[in-house]
Protein backbone atom coordinates (compact mmCIF):
# COMPACT_ATOMS: atom_id res chain seq x y z
CA MET A 1 144.51 -87.65 -39.42
CA LEU A 2 146.61 -84.83 -37.98
CA PRO A 3 146.68 -81.42 -39.69
CA GLU A 4 149.87 -80.68 -41.60
CA GLY A 5 152.70 -79.63 -39.25
CA TRP A 6 150.93 -80.84 -36.11
CA ARG A 7 152.25 -83.63 -33.92
CA ASN A 8 150.72 -85.85 -31.28
CA THR A 9 152.85 -86.03 -28.14
CA ILE A 10 152.45 -86.04 -24.34
CA ILE A 11 152.58 -83.26 -21.74
CA SER A 12 156.07 -84.24 -20.50
CA GLU A 13 157.44 -83.70 -24.05
CA ALA A 14 155.92 -80.21 -24.23
CA CYS A 15 156.83 -78.89 -20.79
CA GLU A 16 158.36 -79.66 -17.41
CA LEU A 17 156.19 -79.77 -14.28
CA ILE A 18 158.06 -78.60 -11.17
CA ASN A 19 156.65 -79.45 -7.76
CA GLY A 20 156.19 -76.78 -5.12
CA ARG A 21 157.56 -77.14 -1.61
CA GLY A 22 155.55 -77.93 1.50
CA PHE A 23 156.41 -74.97 3.76
CA LYS A 24 155.69 -75.79 7.41
CA PRO A 25 154.16 -73.19 9.78
CA HIS A 26 157.36 -72.93 11.85
CA GLU A 27 159.18 -71.81 8.65
CA TRP A 28 156.85 -68.88 8.05
CA SER A 29 158.26 -65.43 8.56
CA ARG A 30 157.21 -61.78 8.38
CA LYS A 31 159.89 -60.99 5.81
CA GLY A 32 161.49 -62.62 2.82
CA LEU A 33 159.73 -63.91 -0.29
CA PRO A 34 155.95 -64.52 -0.25
CA ILE A 35 154.80 -68.14 -0.32
CA ILE A 36 152.34 -68.59 -3.21
CA ARG A 37 149.45 -70.74 -2.01
CA ILE A 38 146.16 -71.83 -3.59
CA GLN A 39 144.26 -68.81 -2.21
CA ASN A 40 146.79 -66.46 -3.84
CA LEU A 41 145.98 -68.01 -7.22
CA ASN A 42 142.37 -66.95 -6.57
CA GLY A 43 143.31 -63.33 -5.92
CA SER A 44 144.06 -63.25 -2.18
CA GLN A 45 146.76 -60.71 -1.28
CA GLU A 46 147.46 -62.29 2.11
CA TYR A 47 150.84 -64.03 2.20
CA ASN A 48 153.08 -65.94 4.54
CA PHE A 49 156.79 -65.31 3.93
CA TYR A 50 159.97 -67.37 3.88
CA SER A 51 163.48 -66.00 4.43
CA GLY A 52 165.57 -69.18 4.36
CA GLU A 53 167.42 -70.96 1.58
CA PHE A 54 165.44 -72.48 -1.28
CA ASP A 55 165.81 -74.32 -4.59
CA LYS A 56 165.74 -71.78 -7.44
CA LYS A 57 163.32 -74.10 -9.29
CA ILE A 58 160.44 -73.05 -7.00
CA LEU A 59 160.97 -69.32 -7.60
CA VAL A 60 157.91 -67.91 -9.38
CA GLN A 61 158.01 -64.69 -11.39
CA ASP A 62 155.30 -62.56 -12.95
CA GLY A 63 153.85 -64.12 -16.11
CA GLN A 64 154.80 -67.72 -15.33
CA LEU A 65 152.32 -70.56 -15.80
CA LEU A 66 151.26 -72.47 -12.69
CA PHE A 67 148.96 -75.47 -12.33
CA ALA A 68 147.09 -76.19 -9.08
CA TRP A 69 146.84 -79.97 -9.09
CA SER A 70 144.61 -80.06 -6.01
CA GLY A 71 141.79 -77.56 -5.58
CA SER A 72 138.14 -76.65 -6.07
CA LYS A 73 136.24 -77.26 -9.29
CA GLY A 74 135.84 -74.17 -11.42
CA THR A 75 138.03 -71.95 -9.21
CA SER A 76 141.44 -72.97 -7.89
CA PHE A 77 142.04 -76.31 -9.66
CA GLY A 78 143.83 -75.97 -12.98
CA PRO A 79 146.14 -73.50 -14.74
CA HIS A 80 146.83 -69.91 -13.68
CA ILE A 81 149.10 -67.30 -15.23
CA TRP A 82 150.79 -65.75 -12.19
CA ASN A 83 150.19 -62.01 -11.97
CA GLY A 84 151.87 -60.92 -8.76
CA PRO A 85 155.18 -60.45 -6.93
CA ASN A 86 158.10 -62.82 -7.18
CA GLY A 87 157.48 -65.64 -4.72
CA LEU A 88 158.05 -69.25 -3.77
CA LEU A 89 155.80 -72.05 -4.93
CA ASN A 90 153.92 -73.92 -2.22
CA TYR A 91 152.89 -77.57 -2.34
CA HIS A 92 149.75 -78.60 -4.36
CA THR A 93 150.93 -76.50 -7.33
CA TRP A 94 153.31 -77.09 -10.24
CA LYS A 95 155.35 -74.52 -12.10
CA VAL A 96 155.04 -75.21 -15.83
CA LEU A 97 158.19 -74.62 -17.88
CA PRO A 98 157.51 -74.87 -21.64
CA LYS A 99 160.04 -76.66 -23.82
CA PRO A 100 161.21 -74.97 -27.06
CA SER A 101 158.40 -76.62 -29.05
CA ALA A 102 155.63 -75.13 -26.88
CA ASN A 103 154.29 -71.63 -26.28
CA ILE A 104 153.36 -70.76 -22.67
CA LEU A 105 150.04 -69.07 -23.57
CA PHE A 106 149.07 -72.00 -25.80
CA LEU A 107 149.85 -74.41 -22.95
CA ASN A 108 147.69 -72.30 -20.63
CA GLN A 109 144.72 -72.72 -23.00
CA TYR A 110 145.41 -76.42 -23.54
CA PHE A 111 145.63 -77.02 -19.79
CA ARG A 112 142.26 -75.27 -19.40
CA TYR A 113 140.87 -77.66 -21.99
CA ILE A 114 142.35 -80.63 -20.09
CA THR A 115 141.11 -79.27 -16.75
CA SER A 116 137.47 -79.38 -17.83
CA HIS A 117 137.86 -83.06 -18.79
CA ILE A 118 139.52 -83.92 -15.44
CA GLU A 119 136.76 -82.12 -13.52
CA ASN A 120 134.05 -83.88 -15.52
CA LYS A 121 135.58 -87.27 -14.72
CA SER A 122 135.93 -86.61 -10.98
CA HIS A 123 133.53 -88.63 -8.86
CA GLY A 124 131.50 -87.89 -5.75
CA ALA A 125 129.76 -84.81 -4.41
CA SER A 126 132.98 -83.14 -3.26
CA ALA A 127 133.97 -79.94 -5.04
CA LEU A 128 137.66 -80.83 -4.58
CA VAL A 129 139.62 -82.26 -7.51
CA HIS A 130 143.17 -83.51 -7.75
CA THR A 131 145.44 -85.22 -10.24
CA GLN A 132 148.88 -86.80 -10.00
CA LYS A 133 152.03 -85.63 -11.74
CA GLY A 134 152.59 -88.93 -13.55
CA GLU A 135 149.04 -88.93 -14.87
CA MET A 136 149.32 -85.36 -16.10
CA GLU A 137 152.68 -85.90 -17.79
CA ASN A 138 151.28 -88.80 -19.82
CA ILE A 139 148.19 -86.99 -21.11
CA SER A 140 148.23 -86.65 -24.89
CA ILE A 141 148.57 -83.17 -26.38
CA LEU A 142 148.37 -81.96 -29.98
CA LEU A 143 151.08 -79.43 -30.79
CA PRO A 144 150.83 -77.27 -33.92
CA PRO A 145 153.82 -75.24 -35.14
CA LEU A 146 154.78 -72.37 -32.80
CA PRO A 147 153.33 -69.56 -34.95
CA GLU A 148 149.98 -71.37 -35.03
CA GLN A 149 150.14 -71.99 -31.27
CA LYS A 150 150.58 -68.25 -30.68
CA LYS A 151 147.70 -67.36 -33.00
CA ILE A 152 145.36 -69.91 -31.34
CA ALA A 153 146.29 -68.58 -27.89
CA ALA A 154 145.65 -65.00 -29.01
CA ILE A 155 142.19 -65.87 -30.35
CA LEU A 156 141.16 -67.74 -27.20
CA SER A 157 142.56 -64.94 -25.03
CA THR A 158 140.09 -62.57 -26.71
CA TRP A 159 137.24 -64.70 -25.34
CA ASP A 160 138.95 -64.79 -21.93
CA ARG A 161 139.02 -60.99 -21.80
CA ALA A 162 135.33 -60.82 -22.74
CA ILE A 163 134.49 -63.42 -20.05
CA GLU A 164 136.55 -61.61 -17.40
CA GLY A 165 134.93 -58.28 -18.29
CA THR A 166 131.45 -59.76 -18.01
CA GLU A 167 132.34 -61.42 -14.71
CA LYS A 168 133.37 -58.03 -13.32
CA LEU A 169 130.17 -56.39 -14.55
CA LEU A 170 128.15 -59.20 -12.96
CA ALA A 171 130.00 -58.91 -9.63
CA ASN A 172 129.44 -55.13 -9.65
CA SER A 173 125.73 -55.53 -10.40
CA GLN A 174 125.35 -58.10 -7.64
CA GLN A 175 127.13 -55.82 -5.18
CA GLN A 176 125.01 -52.84 -6.22
CA LYS A 177 121.82 -54.86 -5.73
CA LYS A 178 123.02 -55.95 -2.29
CA ALA A 179 123.62 -52.31 -1.31
CA LEU A 180 120.26 -51.29 -2.77
CA MET A 181 118.49 -53.98 -0.75
CA GLN A 182 120.25 -52.83 2.40
CA GLN A 183 119.01 -49.26 1.83
CA LEU A 184 115.51 -49.83 0.45
CA LEU A 185 114.45 -52.73 2.67
CA THR A 186 115.36 -50.90 5.87
CA GLY A 187 113.91 -47.51 4.98
CA LYS A 188 117.35 -45.86 5.08
CA LYS A 189 116.68 -44.72 1.52
CA ARG A 190 113.15 -43.74 0.46
CA LEU A 191 111.91 -43.69 -3.10
CA PRO A 192 110.63 -40.30 -4.35
CA GLY A 193 107.02 -39.54 -3.37
CA PHE A 194 106.77 -41.91 -0.38
CA THR A 195 106.62 -40.64 3.19
CA GLY A 196 104.38 -43.12 5.07
CA GLU A 197 105.62 -44.75 8.27
CA TRP A 198 107.08 -48.24 8.26
CA GLY A 199 105.84 -50.99 10.54
CA THR A 200 107.51 -54.02 12.10
CA LYS A 201 105.65 -57.27 12.70
CA LYS A 202 106.51 -60.88 13.38
CA LEU A 203 106.18 -63.19 10.43
CA LYS A 204 103.38 -65.15 12.11
CA ASP A 205 101.30 -61.94 12.31
CA ILE A 206 101.44 -61.25 8.56
CA SER A 207 101.59 -64.78 7.13
CA ARG A 208 100.99 -68.48 7.76
CA VAL A 209 103.93 -70.87 7.82
CA TYR A 210 103.73 -74.61 6.99
CA ASP A 211 106.23 -77.42 6.54
CA GLY A 212 106.38 -80.08 3.85
CA THR A 213 106.24 -83.86 3.96
CA HIS A 214 108.49 -85.47 6.59
CA GLN A 215 109.13 -88.65 4.59
CA THR A 216 111.05 -88.99 1.36
CA PRO A 217 108.34 -90.27 -1.00
CA ASP A 218 108.57 -92.96 -3.63
CA TYR A 219 109.37 -91.15 -6.86
CA VAL A 220 107.63 -91.85 -10.16
CA GLU A 221 108.61 -91.26 -13.79
CA ILE A 222 105.79 -88.79 -14.49
CA GLY A 223 103.74 -86.97 -11.91
CA VAL A 224 103.75 -83.91 -9.65
CA PRO A 225 107.10 -82.03 -9.23
CA PHE A 226 108.75 -82.39 -5.82
CA TYR A 227 110.71 -79.35 -4.59
CA ARG A 228 113.79 -79.52 -2.33
CA VAL A 229 116.50 -77.17 -1.02
CA GLU A 230 118.63 -77.40 -4.17
CA HIS A 231 115.81 -75.95 -6.28
CA LEU A 232 115.83 -72.76 -4.21
CA THR A 233 119.60 -72.41 -3.88
CA SER A 234 120.16 -72.97 -7.62
CA GLY A 235 117.08 -71.02 -8.71
CA LYS A 236 116.31 -73.79 -11.23
CA PHE A 237 113.02 -75.67 -11.00
CA ASN A 238 113.19 -77.54 -14.31
CA ASN A 239 115.22 -80.45 -12.92
CA THR A 240 112.86 -82.10 -10.45
CA LYS A 241 111.84 -85.54 -9.30
CA PHE A 242 108.17 -86.44 -9.30
CA VAL A 243 105.66 -87.88 -6.83
CA SER A 244 102.40 -89.58 -7.67
CA GLU A 245 99.11 -87.72 -8.04
CA GLU A 246 97.80 -89.81 -5.13
CA ILE A 247 100.50 -88.53 -2.75
CA TYR A 248 99.84 -84.96 -3.86
CA GLN A 249 96.07 -85.23 -3.39
CA ASN A 250 96.48 -86.78 0.08
CA GLU A 251 98.44 -83.78 1.35
CA SER A 252 96.69 -81.24 3.54
CA LYS A 253 94.94 -78.54 1.48
CA LYS A 254 96.57 -75.78 3.52
CA ARG A 255 100.00 -77.13 2.50
CA LYS A 256 99.30 -76.89 -1.23
CA ILE A 257 101.64 -74.44 -2.98
CA GLU A 258 99.81 -71.65 -4.81
CA LYS A 259 100.94 -68.81 -7.02
CA ASN A 260 102.45 -65.92 -4.97
CA ASP A 261 103.38 -68.24 -2.08
CA ILE A 262 107.00 -68.24 -0.89
CA LEU A 263 109.24 -71.23 -0.17
CA LEU A 264 112.07 -70.82 2.36
CA THR A 265 114.96 -73.21 3.03
CA ARG A 266 114.93 -74.26 6.69
CA ILE A 267 117.43 -77.16 6.94
CA GLY A 268 121.15 -77.00 6.15
CA ASP A 269 121.59 -73.94 3.94
CA ILE A 270 118.80 -71.99 5.62
CA GLY A 271 117.44 -68.59 4.63
CA THR A 272 116.95 -68.69 0.85
CA ALA A 273 113.46 -67.51 -0.12
CA LYS A 274 111.82 -67.98 -3.52
CA LEU A 275 108.55 -66.45 -4.71
CA ILE A 276 106.47 -68.94 -6.68
CA ASP A 277 105.24 -66.44 -9.28
CA TRP A 278 103.90 -69.02 -11.72
CA ASP A 279 100.87 -71.31 -11.77
CA VAL A 280 102.06 -74.41 -9.93
CA ARG A 281 101.10 -77.91 -8.88
CA ALA A 282 103.94 -79.23 -6.73
CA SER A 283 104.76 -80.98 -3.48
CA PHE A 284 107.70 -80.08 -1.23
CA TYR A 285 109.97 -81.65 1.36
CA VAL A 286 110.23 -80.80 5.08
CA SER A 287 113.55 -79.04 4.39
CA LEU A 288 111.42 -76.16 3.03
CA ALA A 289 108.85 -73.93 4.71
CA LEU A 290 105.79 -72.71 2.82
CA ILE A 291 104.87 -69.09 3.61
CA LYS A 292 101.46 -67.71 2.66
CA ALA A 293 101.39 -63.94 3.13
CA ASN A 294 98.45 -61.79 4.15
CA LYS A 295 97.01 -59.25 1.72
CA ILE A 296 98.94 -56.39 3.33
CA MET A 297 102.16 -57.75 1.80
CA SER A 298 103.30 -57.37 -1.80
CA PRO A 299 104.54 -60.88 -2.74
CA LYS A 300 107.69 -59.64 -4.49
CA PHE A 301 108.57 -57.20 -1.69
CA PHE A 302 107.99 -60.01 0.81
CA GLU A 303 110.42 -62.27 -1.06
CA CYS A 304 113.06 -59.51 -1.09
CA ALA A 305 112.57 -58.86 2.64
CA LEU A 306 112.95 -62.56 3.44
CA ASN A 307 116.20 -62.61 1.44
CA SER A 308 117.57 -59.51 3.19
CA GLU A 309 120.69 -59.70 5.35
CA ALA A 310 118.71 -58.56 8.41
CA PHE A 311 116.17 -61.38 8.15
CA LYS A 312 118.85 -64.00 7.45
CA ARG A 313 120.85 -62.84 10.49
CA GLU A 314 117.78 -63.29 12.68
CA LEU A 315 117.17 -66.78 11.27
CA TRP A 316 120.76 -67.83 11.88
CA HIS A 317 120.77 -66.33 15.37
CA ARG A 318 117.91 -68.66 16.26
CA THR A 319 119.93 -71.69 15.10
CA ILE A 320 123.15 -70.77 16.89
CA HIS A 321 122.89 -73.64 19.41
CA VAL A 322 121.56 -76.20 16.92
CA ALA A 323 123.89 -79.05 15.90
CA PHE A 324 124.78 -79.56 12.24
CA PRO A 325 122.94 -79.72 9.95
CA LYS A 326 121.40 -76.40 10.87
CA LYS A 327 117.65 -76.47 11.21
CA ILE A 328 115.10 -73.84 12.14
CA ASN A 329 111.68 -74.70 13.50
CA LEU A 330 108.49 -73.26 12.06
CA GLY A 331 107.79 -71.47 15.34
CA ASP A 332 111.14 -69.71 15.24
CA ILE A 333 110.53 -68.65 11.64
CA GLY A 334 107.19 -67.20 12.68
CA ASP A 335 108.82 -65.26 15.52
CA CYS A 336 111.28 -63.50 13.18
CA SER A 337 110.44 -59.88 12.35
CA ILE A 338 109.84 -58.08 9.07
CA CYS A 339 110.09 -54.32 8.57
CA PHE A 340 107.82 -52.99 5.80
CA PRO A 341 106.25 -49.77 4.43
CA PRO A 342 102.67 -49.22 3.20
CA PHE A 343 101.62 -51.42 0.27
CA PRO A 344 102.20 -48.84 -2.57
CA GLU A 345 105.81 -48.32 -1.47
CA GLN A 346 106.32 -52.08 -1.18
CA LYS A 347 105.34 -52.43 -4.85
CA ALA A 348 107.62 -49.56 -5.89
CA ILE A 349 110.60 -51.04 -4.02
CA ALA A 350 109.88 -54.46 -5.52
CA ALA A 351 109.86 -52.94 -9.02
CA VAL A 352 113.29 -51.33 -8.48
CA LEU A 353 114.79 -54.57 -7.16
CA THR A 354 113.17 -56.57 -9.96
CA THR A 355 114.91 -54.32 -12.50
CA ALA A 356 118.21 -54.98 -10.72
CA ASP A 357 117.46 -58.73 -10.88
CA GLU A 358 116.75 -58.50 -14.61
CA ASP A 359 120.11 -56.78 -15.20
CA ILE A 360 121.87 -59.57 -13.26
CA ILE A 361 120.00 -62.30 -15.17
CA ALA A 362 120.97 -60.66 -18.49
CA LEU A 363 124.65 -60.58 -17.49
CA GLU A 364 124.49 -64.20 -16.29
CA SER A 365 123.04 -65.15 -19.67
CA ASP A 366 125.81 -63.24 -21.49
CA LEU A 367 128.44 -64.95 -19.34
CA ALA A 368 127.01 -68.42 -19.98
CA ARG A 369 126.91 -67.71 -23.73
CA LEU A 370 130.54 -66.50 -23.81
CA ARG A 371 131.74 -69.53 -21.85
CA GLN A 372 129.89 -71.87 -24.17
CA GLU A 373 131.27 -70.12 -27.26
CA LYS A 374 134.80 -70.37 -25.92
CA LYS A 375 134.32 -74.04 -25.03
CA ALA A 376 133.18 -74.81 -28.58
CA LEU A 377 136.06 -72.79 -30.03
CA MET A 378 138.60 -74.63 -27.89
CA GLN A 379 137.20 -77.94 -29.11
CA GLN A 380 137.79 -76.84 -32.70
CA LEU A 381 141.08 -74.92 -32.47
CA LEU A 382 142.96 -77.20 -30.05
CA THR A 383 142.18 -80.33 -32.07
CA GLY A 384 142.95 -78.88 -35.49
CA LYS A 385 139.37 -79.28 -36.70
CA ARG A 386 139.43 -75.57 -37.44
CA ARG A 387 142.65 -73.94 -38.65
CA VAL A 388 143.79 -70.37 -38.18
CA MET A 389 145.53 -68.11 -40.68
CA VAL A 390 149.10 -67.32 -39.68
CA ASP A 391 150.81 -64.23 -41.08
């Protein structure tokens, strides 16, 4: 049963969707109006321009609602309030013109709600999503009276501002940590009280490097966790497949993962290192390399050094002539170099970078919480399950 004053209709009754134009490269110019493309919706300030005649319907002004009907999940696909210069709408995007019964900011929130459902229903591993105009126009929408629409949009916009603020703090913290790594892991910046000389050695001189199983094993319901590239790139080890105890026990003893060992991605998305700083019984695939450091290396410092830009550049340089998917051999990993200070300074540097990691993790947790809160609030406010007070 609909709340009093609400009505169930479809998108085409609440707004008009206007197609952009497919500007061809030979039409681009260095003057005229900027052509608003997908990348401009994501913040890019690089434009192509058009100086010819155009249909006034594709003119976009500041504050107008746009919908990218073909784009990447979680970034470009979906609604965007345009915040930029007057321009011309490119193909793959609609301009949304609200009808008198609909508020533009309410439609923006409702389209965000719809977007999450479209993305969840998209199939395949591709990050690209698209929808058709006819499909979108026939999607059901619940429209409350205009004053209630405005109040709902204002409430949800408060969460948007909190999310955007946290995203900026997170991006700043990540950038600061990157700069800190660049300074501390190269010796360009020394921590107070440390003056000892740094050394440079090849990885094979300070550690032993092993690969994992070369065959995809038969998985079992319950058993020993089996680590792959996605566990390192996502940082999440709680979603694993399992291999039998027999397979695990038959593996070479030297290839058993132990606490304070490091796993490194070596196929495809190479160069992500993860310190195993917990008690572990796990097997791993050949796409990972297992690195067991000598006692002269602090495990946490070693992980940071392996994740440094300098080490990753050296890894990638050694794969420059390798066909896709990229792959680096164990011997090449062992020939890469690590620059490091005496052990006490390693520990001090690791402590500073660990604190930076903890700040980032806290902000990521705050961001996830805010997004979840807003998602739950949208579910309530945009369906009328929870009403707002209108002055």
